[in-house]
Amino acid sequence: MISIIVPAYNEEEGIEKFINEMKKRVKLNEDYELIIINDGSSDKTPVIVNKMLKGYPSLCLVNHEKNKGIGAAIRTGIQEAKG
């Protein structure tokens, strides 16, 4: 399995388009997961990603309650990764 880790902070304007593009473009010969680390966004980023979970089984959402920075988001993604 391949894990793709994507930190996100206040990305409501583009997160849905990004996830839809990933869904269309990622063509791998093995299973993969797309892990979105919501790093304490104050906008609707986690709501948008959460709604998309049903239509994209490879998608995973992990939330930080408050912003911890990109390094912490990547570390969280590595800890959550199955691949």
PDB file of N, CA and C in Angstrom:
ATOM      1  N   MET A   1       0.843  -1.186   0.000  1.00  0.00           N
ATOM      2  CA  MET A   1       0.000   0.000   0.000  1.00  0.00           C
ATOM      3  C   MET A   1       0.881   1.239   0.000  1.00  0.00           C
ATOM      4  N   ILE A   2       0.418   2.239  -0.738  1.00  0.00           N
ATOM      5  CA  ILE A   2       1.100   3.529  -0.791  1.00  0.00           C
ATOM      6  C   ILE A   2       0.240   4.548  -0.051  1.00  0.00           C
ATOM      7  N   SER A   3       0.876   5.344   0.792  1.00  0.00           N
ATOM      8  CA  SER A   3       0.181   6.389   1.539  1.00  0.00           C
ATOM      9  C   SER A   3       0.589   7.754   1.003  1.00  0.00           C
ATOM     10  N   ILE A   4      -0.406   8.555   0.658  1.00  0.00           N
ATOM     11  CA  ILE A   4      -0.174   9.926   0.201  1.00  0.00           C
ATOM     12  C   ILE A   4      -0.671  10.839   1.315  1.00  0.00           C
ATOM     13  N   ILE A   5       0.235  11.622   1.884  1.00  0.00           N
ATOM     14  CA  ILE A   5      -0.085  12.476   3.031  1.00  0.00           C
ATOM     15  C   ILE A   5      -0.194  13.922   2.557  1.00  0.00           C
ATOM     16  N   VAL A   6      -1.321  14.561   2.891  1.00  0.00           N
ATOM     17  CA  VAL A   6      -1.567  15.933   2.456  1.00  0.00           C
ATOM     18  C   VAL A   6      -1.981  16.786   3.651  1.00  0.00           C
ATOM     19  N   PRO A   7      -1.084  17.652   4.143  1.00  0.00           N
ATOM     20  CA  PRO A   7      -1.471  18.594   5.195  1.00  0.00           C
ATOM     21  C   PRO A   7      -2.425  19.639   4.603  1.00  0.00           C
ATOM     22  N   ALA A   8      -3.426  20.041   5.372  1.00  0.00           N
ATOM     23  CA  ALA A   8      -4.370  21.049   4.888  1.00  0.00           C
ATOM     24  C   ALA A   8      -4.714  22.008   6.023  1.00  0.00           C
ATOM     25  N   TYR A   9      -4.647  23.290   5.713  1.00  0.00           N
ATOM     26  CA  TYR A   9      -5.023  24.321   6.685  1.00  0.00           C
ATOM     27  C   TYR A   9      -5.823  25.401   5.955  1.00  0.00           C
ATOM     28  N   ASN A  10      -7.083  25.535   6.313  1.00  0.00           N
ATOM     29  CA  ASN A  10      -7.981  26.516   5.695  1.00  0.00           C
ATOM     30  C   ASN A  10      -7.963  26.422   4.165  1.00  0.00           C
ATOM     31  N   GLU A  11      -8.270  25.250   3.665  1.00  0.00           N
ATOM     32  CA  GLU A  11      -8.246  24.980   2.231  1.00  0.00           C
ATOM     33  C   GLU A  11      -9.631  24.777   1.634  1.00  0.00           C
ATOM     34  N   GLU A  12     -10.666  25.351   2.247  1.00  0.00           N
ATOM     35  CA  GLU A  12     -12.024  25.113   1.759  1.00  0.00           C
ATOM     36  C   GLU A  12     -12.210  25.527   0.307  1.00  0.00           C
ATOM     37  N   GLU A  13     -11.453  26.484  -0.164  1.00  0.00           N
ATOM     38  CA  GLU A  13     -11.599  26.953  -1.547  1.00  0.00           C
ATOM     39  C   GLU A  13     -11.148  25.902  -2.565  1.00  0.00           C
ATOM     40  N   GLY A  14     -10.169  25.064  -2.208  1.00  0.00           N
ATOM     41  CA  GLY A  14      -9.619  24.167  -3.212  1.00  0.00           C
ATOM     42  C   GLY A  14      -9.554  22.695  -2.851  1.00  0.00           C
ATOM     43  N   ILE A  15      -9.925  22.326  -1.636  1.00  0.00           N
ATOM     44  CA  ILE A  15      -9.722  20.939  -1.193  1.00  0.00           C
ATOM     45  C   ILE A  15     -10.594  19.950  -1.968  1.00  0.00           C
ATOM     46  N   GLU A  16     -11.819  20.320  -2.261  1.00  0.00           N
ATOM     47  CA  GLU A  16     -12.697  19.404  -2.997  1.00  0.00           C
ATOM     48  C   GLU A  16     -12.158  19.160  -4.408  1.00  0.00           C
ATOM     49  N   LYS A  17     -11.743  20.205  -5.081  1.00  0.00           N
ATOM     50  CA  LYS A  17     -11.165  20.060  -6.422  1.00  0.00           C
ATOM     51  C   LYS A  17      -9.900  19.217  -6.364  1.00  0.00           C
ATOM     52  N   PHE A  18      -9.048  19.468  -5.377  1.00  0.00           N
ATOM     53  CA  PHE A  18      -7.820  18.705  -5.236  1.00  0.00           C
ATOM     54  C   PHE A  18      -8.117  17.210  -5.070  1.00  0.00           C
ATOM     55  N   ILE A  19      -9.038  16.874  -4.178  1.00  0.00           N
ATOM     56  CA  ILE A  19      -9.367  15.467  -3.921  1.00  0.00           C
ATOM     57  C   ILE A  19      -9.969  14.830  -5.171  1.00  0.00           C
ATOM     58  N   ASN A  20     -10.862  15.551  -5.855  1.00  0.00           N
ATOM     59  CA  ASN A  20     -11.449  15.008  -7.082  1.00  0.00           C
ATOM     60  C   ASN A  20     -10.393  14.769  -8.160  1.00  0.00           C
ATOM     61  N   GLU A  21      -9.436  15.663  -8.275  1.00  0.00           N
ATOM     62  CA  GLU A  21      -8.354  15.480  -9.241  1.00  0.00           C
ATOM     63  C   GLU A  21      -7.482  14.278  -8.869  1.00  0.00           C
ATOM     64  N   MET A  22      -7.201  14.130  -7.594  1.00  0.00           N
ATOM     65  CA  MET A  22      -6.419  12.967  -7.147  1.00  0.00           C
ATOM     66  C   MET A  22      -7.162  11.682  -7.475  1.00  0.00           C
ATOM     67  N   LYS A  23      -8.449  11.678  -7.233  1.00  0.00           N
ATOM     68  CA  LYS A  23      -9.272  10.493  -7.496  1.00  0.00           C
ATOM     69  C   LYS A  23      -9.218  10.115  -8.980  1.00  0.00           C
ATOM     70  N   LYS A  24      -9.237  11.125  -9.849  1.00  0.00           N
ATOM     71  CA  LYS A  24      -9.190  10.871 -11.291  1.00  0.00           C
ATOM     72  C   LYS A  24      -7.801  10.475 -11.782  1.00  0.00           C
ATOM     73  N   ARG A  25      -6.776  11.083 -11.223  1.00  0.00           N
ATOM     74  CA  ARG A  25      -5.434  10.958 -11.787  1.00  0.00           C
ATOM     75  C   ARG A  25      -4.558   9.867 -11.186  1.00  0.00           C
ATOM     76  N   VAL A  26      -4.795   9.507  -9.938  1.00  0.00           N
ATOM     77  CA  VAL A  26      -3.941   8.503  -9.306  1.00  0.00           C
ATOM     78  C   VAL A  26      -4.347   7.131  -9.815  1.00  0.00           C
ATOM     79  N   LYS A  27      -3.479   6.534 -10.580  1.00  0.00           N
ATOM     80  CA  LYS A  27      -3.696   5.198 -11.143  1.00  0.00           C
ATOM     81  C   LYS A  27      -2.487   4.346 -10.773  1.00  0.00           C
ATOM     82  N   LEU A  28      -2.616   3.577  -9.727  1.00  0.00           N
ATOM     83  CA  LEU A  28      -1.509   2.762  -9.241  1.00  0.00           C
ATOM     84  C   LEU A  28      -1.854   1.288  -9.385  1.00  0.00           C
ATOM     85  N   ASN A  29      -0.833   0.470  -9.452  1.00  0.00           N
ATOM     86  CA  ASN A  29      -1.019  -0.973  -9.546  1.00  0.00           C
ATOM     87  C   ASN A  29      -1.169  -1.623  -8.180  1.00  0.00           C
ATOM     88  N   GLU A  30      -1.223  -0.826  -7.144  1.00  0.00           N
ATOM     89  CA  GLU A  30      -1.435  -1.347  -5.797  1.00  0.00           C
ATOM     90  C   GLU A  30      -2.357  -0.405  -5.033  1.00  0.00           C
ATOM     91  N   ASP A  31      -2.861  -0.876  -3.915  1.00  0.00           N
ATOM     92  CA  ASP A  31      -3.754  -0.062  -3.097  1.00  0.00           C
ATOM     93  C   ASP A  31      -3.035   1.180  -2.600  1.00  0.00           C
ATOM     94  N   TYR A  32      -3.804   2.237  -2.409  1.00  0.00           N
ATOM     95  CA  TYR A  32      -3.244   3.466  -1.846  1.00  0.00           C
ATOM     96  C   TYR A  32      -4.286   4.114  -0.948  1.00  0.00           C
ATOM     97  N   GLU A  33      -3.796   5.028  -0.132  1.00  0.00           N
ATOM     98  CA  GLU A  33      -4.670   5.840   0.708  1.00  0.00           C
ATOM     99  C   GLU A  33      -4.241   7.294   0.580  1.00  0.00           C
ATOM    100  N   LEU A  34      -5.226   8.173   0.551  1.00  0.00           N
ATOM    101  CA  LEU A  34      -4.983   9.605   0.531  1.00  0.00           C
ATOM    102  C   LEU A  34      -5.380  10.129   1.904  1.00  0.00           C
ATOM    103  N   ILE A  35      -4.384  10.519   2.676  1.00  0.00           N
ATOM    104  CA  ILE A  35      -4.616  10.963   4.051  1.00  0.00           C
ATOM    105  C   ILE A  35      -4.553  12.492   4.093  1.00  0.00           C
ATOM    106  N   ILE A  36      -5.684  13.100   4.395  1.00  0.00           N
ATOM    107  CA  ILE A  36      -5.741  14.552   4.565  1.00  0.00           C
ATOM    108  C   ILE A  36      -5.617  14.843   6.058  1.00  0.00           C
ATOM    109  N   ILE A  37      -4.599  15.605   6.412  1.00  0.00           N
ATOM    110  CA  ILE A  37      -4.413  16.020   7.800  1.00  0.00           C
ATOM    111  C   ILE A  37      -4.948  17.445   7.910  1.00  0.00           C
ATOM    112  N   ASN A  38      -6.127  17.584   8.484  1.00  0.00           N
ATOM    113  CA  ASN A  38      -6.694  18.903   8.716  1.00  0.00           C
ATOM    114  C   ASN A  38      -5.999  19.497   9.940  1.00  0.00           C
ATOM    115  N   ASP A  39      -5.179  20.498   9.692  1.00  0.00           N
ATOM    116  CA  ASP A  39      -4.336  21.048  10.757  1.00  0.00           C
ATOM    117  C   ASP A  39      -5.001  22.220  11.477  1.00  0.00           C
ATOM    118  N   GLY A  40      -6.152  21.950  12.088  1.00  0.00           N
ATOM    119  CA  GLY A  40      -6.837  22.957  12.893  1.00  0.00           C
ATOM    120  C   GLY A  40      -7.493  24.056  12.085  1.00  0.00           C
ATOM    121  N   SER A  41      -7.976  23.738  10.904  1.00  0.00           N
ATOM    122  CA  SER A  41      -8.616  24.750  10.053  1.00  0.00           C
ATOM    123  C   SER A  41      -9.786  25.412  10.769  1.00  0.00           C
ATOM    124  N   SER A  42      -9.946  26.720  10.522  1.00  0.00           N
ATOM    125  CA  SER A  42     -11.071  27.455  11.096  1.00  0.00           C
ATOM    126  C   SER A  42     -12.180  27.649  10.063  1.00  0.00           C
ATOM    127  N   ASP A  43     -11.991  27.089   8.877  1.00  0.00           N
ATOM    128  CA  ASP A  43     -13.011  27.177   7.836  1.00  0.00           C
ATOM    129  C   ASP A  43     -13.708  25.821   7.681  1.00  0.00           C
ATOM    130  N   LYS A  44     -14.278  25.556   6.531  1.00  0.00           N
ATOM    131  CA  LYS A  44     -15.047  24.327   6.318  1.00  0.00           C
ATOM    132  C   LYS A  44     -14.233  23.182   5.723  1.00  0.00           C
ATOM    133  N   THR A  45     -12.918  23.265   5.758  1.00  0.00           N
ATOM    134  CA  THR A  45     -12.085  22.194   5.202  1.00  0.00           C
ATOM    135  C   THR A  45     -12.478  20.820   5.747  1.00  0.00           C
ATOM    136  N   PRO A  46     -12.557  20.620   7.064  1.00  0.00           N
ATOM    137  CA  PRO A  46     -12.881  19.272   7.549  1.00  0.00           C
ATOM    138  C   PRO A  46     -14.296  18.823   7.178  1.00  0.00           C
ATOM    139  N   VAL A  47     -15.237  19.748   7.095  1.00  0.00           N
ATOM    140  CA  VAL A  47     -16.613  19.411   6.721  1.00  0.00           C
ATOM    141  C   VAL A  47     -16.654  18.911   5.276  1.00  0.00           C
ATOM    142  N   ILE A  48     -15.948  19.593   4.397  1.00  0.00           N
ATOM    143  CA  ILE A  48     -15.906  19.223   2.982  1.00  0.00           C
ATOM    144  C   ILE A  48     -15.272  17.845   2.809  1.00  0.00           C
ATOM    145  N   VAL A  49     -14.127  17.626   3.449  1.00  0.00           N
ATOM    146  CA  VAL A  49     -13.442  16.336   3.328  1.00  0.00           C
ATOM    147  C   VAL A  49     -14.304  15.234   3.918  1.00  0.00           C
ATOM    148  N   ASN A  50     -14.910  15.489   5.054  1.00  0.00           N
ATOM    149  CA  ASN A  50     -15.752  14.486   5.700  1.00  0.00           C
ATOM    150  C   ASN A  50     -16.898  14.051   4.786  1.00  0.00           C
ATOM    151  N   LYS A  51     -17.501  14.989   4.059  1.00  0.00           N
ATOM    152  CA  LYS A  51     -18.585  14.662   3.129  1.00  0.00           C
ATOM    153  C   LYS A  51     -18.093  13.796   1.975  1.00  0.00           C
ATOM    154  N   MET A  52     -16.828  13.928   1.626  1.00  0.00           N
ATOM    155  CA  MET A  52     -16.277  13.196   0.481  1.00  0.00           C
ATOM    156  C   MET A  52     -15.843  11.771   0.834  1.00  0.00           C
ATOM    157  N   LEU A  53     -15.796  11.443   2.106  1.00  0.00           N
ATOM    158  CA  LEU A  53     -15.305  10.130   2.532  1.00  0.00           C
ATOM    159  C   LEU A  53     -16.114   8.976   1.946  1.00  0.00           C
ATOM    160  N   LYS A  54     -17.434   9.132   1.865  1.00  0.00           N
ATOM    161  CA  LYS A  54     -18.292   8.055   1.363  1.00  0.00           C
ATOM    162  C   LYS A  54     -18.007   7.711  -0.095  1.00  0.00           C
ATOM    163  N   GLY A  55     -17.723   8.696  -0.910  1.00  0.00           N
ATOM    164  CA  GLY A  55     -17.511   8.469  -2.329  1.00  0.00           C
ATOM    165  C   GLY A  55     -16.088   8.140  -2.714  1.00  0.00           C
ATOM    166  N   TYR A  56     -15.203   8.075  -1.739  1.00  0.00           N
ATOM    167  CA  TYR A  56     -13.786   7.858  -2.041  1.00  0.00           C
ATOM    168  C   TYR A  56     -13.201   6.979  -0.942  1.00  0.00           C
ATOM    169  N   PRO A  57     -13.311   5.652  -1.086  1.00  0.00           N
ATOM    170  CA  PRO A  57     -12.877   4.745  -0.012  1.00  0.00           C
ATOM    171  C   PRO A  57     -11.390   4.833   0.339  1.00  0.00           C
ATOM    172  N   SER A  58     -10.577   5.353  -0.563  1.00  0.00           N
ATOM    173  CA  SER A  58      -9.145   5.480  -0.280  1.00  0.00           C
ATOM    174  C   SER A  58      -8.818   6.746   0.507  1.00  0.00           C
ATOM    175  N   LEU A  59      -9.827   7.567   0.757  1.00  0.00           N
ATOM    176  CA  LEU A  59      -9.640   8.839   1.446  1.00  0.00           C
ATOM    177  C   LEU A  59      -9.757   8.665   2.950  1.00  0.00           C
ATOM    178  N   CYS A  60      -8.882   9.353   3.678  1.00  0.00           N
ATOM    179  CA  CYS A  60      -8.880   9.308   5.138  1.00  0.00           C
ATOM    180  C   CYS A  60      -8.709  10.744   5.649  1.00  0.00           C
ATOM    181  N   LEU A  61      -9.431  11.097   6.693  1.00  0.00           N
ATOM    182  CA  LEU A  61      -9.327  12.418   7.300  1.00  0.00           C
ATOM    183  C   LEU A  61      -8.863  12.282   8.737  1.00  0.00           C
ATOM    184  N   VAL A  62      -7.825  13.041   9.089  1.00  0.00           N
ATOM    185  CA  VAL A  62      -7.336  13.111  10.459  1.00  0.00           C
ATOM    186  C   VAL A  62      -7.346  14.587  10.852  1.00  0.00           C
ATOM    187  N   ASN A  63      -7.894  14.892  12.016  1.00  0.00           N
ATOM    188  CA  ASN A  63      -8.035  16.284  12.454  1.00  0.00           C
ATOM    189  C   ASN A  63      -7.129  16.616  13.630  1.00  0.00           C
ATOM    190  N   HIS A  64      -6.438  17.744  13.523  1.00  0.00           N
ATOM    191  CA  HIS A  64      -5.796  18.371  14.676  1.00  0.00           C
ATOM    192  C   HIS A  64      -6.794  19.398  15.205  1.00  0.00           C
ATOM    193  N   GLU A  65      -6.989  19.435  16.505  1.00  0.00           N
ATOM    194  CA  GLU A  65      -7.919  20.410  17.082  1.00  0.00           C
ATOM    195  C   GLU A  65      -7.462  21.839  16.830  1.00  0.00           C
ATOM    196  N   LYS A  66      -6.155  22.068  16.926  1.00  0.00           N
ATOM    197  CA  LYS A  66      -5.632  23.404  16.647  1.00  0.00           C
ATOM    198  C   LYS A  66      -4.431  23.276  15.720  1.00  0.00           C
ATOM    199  N   ASN A  67      -4.077  24.358  15.082  1.00  0.00           N
ATOM    200  CA  ASN A  67      -2.982  24.361  14.122  1.00  0.00           C
ATOM    201  C   ASN A  67      -1.664  24.066  14.820  1.00  0.00           C
ATOM    202  N   LYS A  68      -0.966  23.048  14.326  1.00  0.00           N
ATOM    203  CA  LYS A  68       0.318  22.645  14.892  1.00  0.00           C
ATOM    204  C   LYS A  68       1.467  22.844  13.916  1.00  0.00           C
ATOM    205  N   GLY A  69       1.145  23.229  12.699  1.00  0.00           N
ATOM    206  CA  GLY A  69       2.177  23.464  11.691  1.00  0.00           C
ATOM    207  C   GLY A  69       2.360  22.272  10.765  1.00  0.00           C
ATOM    208  N   ILE A  70       3.004  22.555   9.649  1.00  0.00           N
ATOM    209  CA  ILE A  70       3.142  21.541   8.600  1.00  0.00           C
ATOM    210  C   ILE A  70       3.959  20.329   9.051  1.00  0.00           C
ATOM    211  N   GLY A  71       4.999  20.555   9.835  1.00  0.00           N
ATOM    212  CA  GLY A  71       5.822  19.438  10.309  1.00  0.00           C
ATOM    213  C   GLY A  71       5.026  18.468  11.166  1.00  0.00           C
ATOM    214  N   ALA A  72       4.243  19.002  12.069  1.00  0.00           N
ATOM    215  CA  ALA A  72       3.412  18.153  12.932  1.00  0.00           C
ATOM    216  C   ALA A  72       2.349  17.433  12.116  1.00  0.00           C
ATOM    217  N   ALA A  73       1.789  18.111  11.113  1.00  0.00           N
ATOM    218  CA  ALA A  73       0.779  17.480  10.262  1.00  0.00           C
ATOM    219  C   ALA A  73       1.388  16.306   9.493  1.00  0.00           C
ATOM    220  N   ILE A  74       2.585  16.485   8.982  1.00  0.00           N
ATOM    221  CA  ILE A  74       3.251  15.392   8.258  1.00  0.00           C
ATOM    222  C   ILE A  74       3.563  14.243   9.207  1.00  0.00           C
ATOM    223  N   ARG A  75       4.042  14.549  10.409  1.00  0.00           N
ATOM    224  CA  ARG A  75       4.329  13.487  11.379  1.00  0.00           C
ATOM    225  C   ARG A  75       3.054  12.712  11.734  1.00  0.00           C
ATOM    226  N   THR A  76       1.955  13.434  11.908  1.00  0.00           N
ATOM    227  CA  THR A  76       0.679  12.772  12.182  1.00  0.00           C
ATOM    228  C   THR A  76       0.296  11.854  11.018  1.00  0.00           C
ATOM    229  N   GLY A  77       0.476  12.342   9.803  1.00  0.00           N
ATOM    230  CA  GLY A  77       0.181  11.539   8.632  1.00  0.00           C
ATOM    231  C   GLY A  77       1.014  10.272   8.567  1.00  0.00           C
ATOM    232  N   ILE A  78       2.278  10.379   8.900  1.00  0.00           N
ATOM    233  CA  ILE A  78       3.164   9.201   8.913  1.00  0.00           C
ATOM    234  C   ILE A  78       2.701   8.216   9.969  1.00  0.00           C
ATOM    235  N   GLN A  79       2.300   8.710  11.132  1.00  0.00           N
ATOM    236  CA  GLN A  79       1.816   7.819  12.194  1.00  0.00           C
ATOM    237  C   GLN A  79       0.525   7.112  11.796  1.00  0.00           C
ATOM    238  N   GLU A  80      -0.329   7.778  11.042  1.00  0.00           N
ATOM    239  CA  GLU A  80      -1.617   7.217  10.637  1.00  0.00           C
ATOM    240  C   GLU A  80      -1.519   6.324   9.404  1.00  0.00           C
ATOM    241  N   ALA A  81      -0.438   6.465   8.650  1.00  0.00           N
ATOM    242  CA  ALA A  81      -0.298   5.749   7.384  1.00  0.00           C
ATOM    243  C   ALA A  81      -0.229   4.242   7.566  1.00  0.00           C
ATOM    244  N   LYS A  82      -0.872   3.553   6.643  1.00  0.00           N
ATOM    245  CA  LYS A  82      -0.838   2.094   6.636  1.00  0.00           C
ATOM    246  C   LYS A  82       0.182   1.581   5.636  1.00  0.00           C
ATOM    247  N   GLY A  83       0.642   2.453   4.756  1.00  0.00           N
ATOM    248  CA  GLY A  83       1.583   2.052   3.706  1.00  0.00           C
ATOM    249  C   GLY A  83       2.969   2.558   3.967  1.00  0.00           C
TER     250      GLY A  83
END
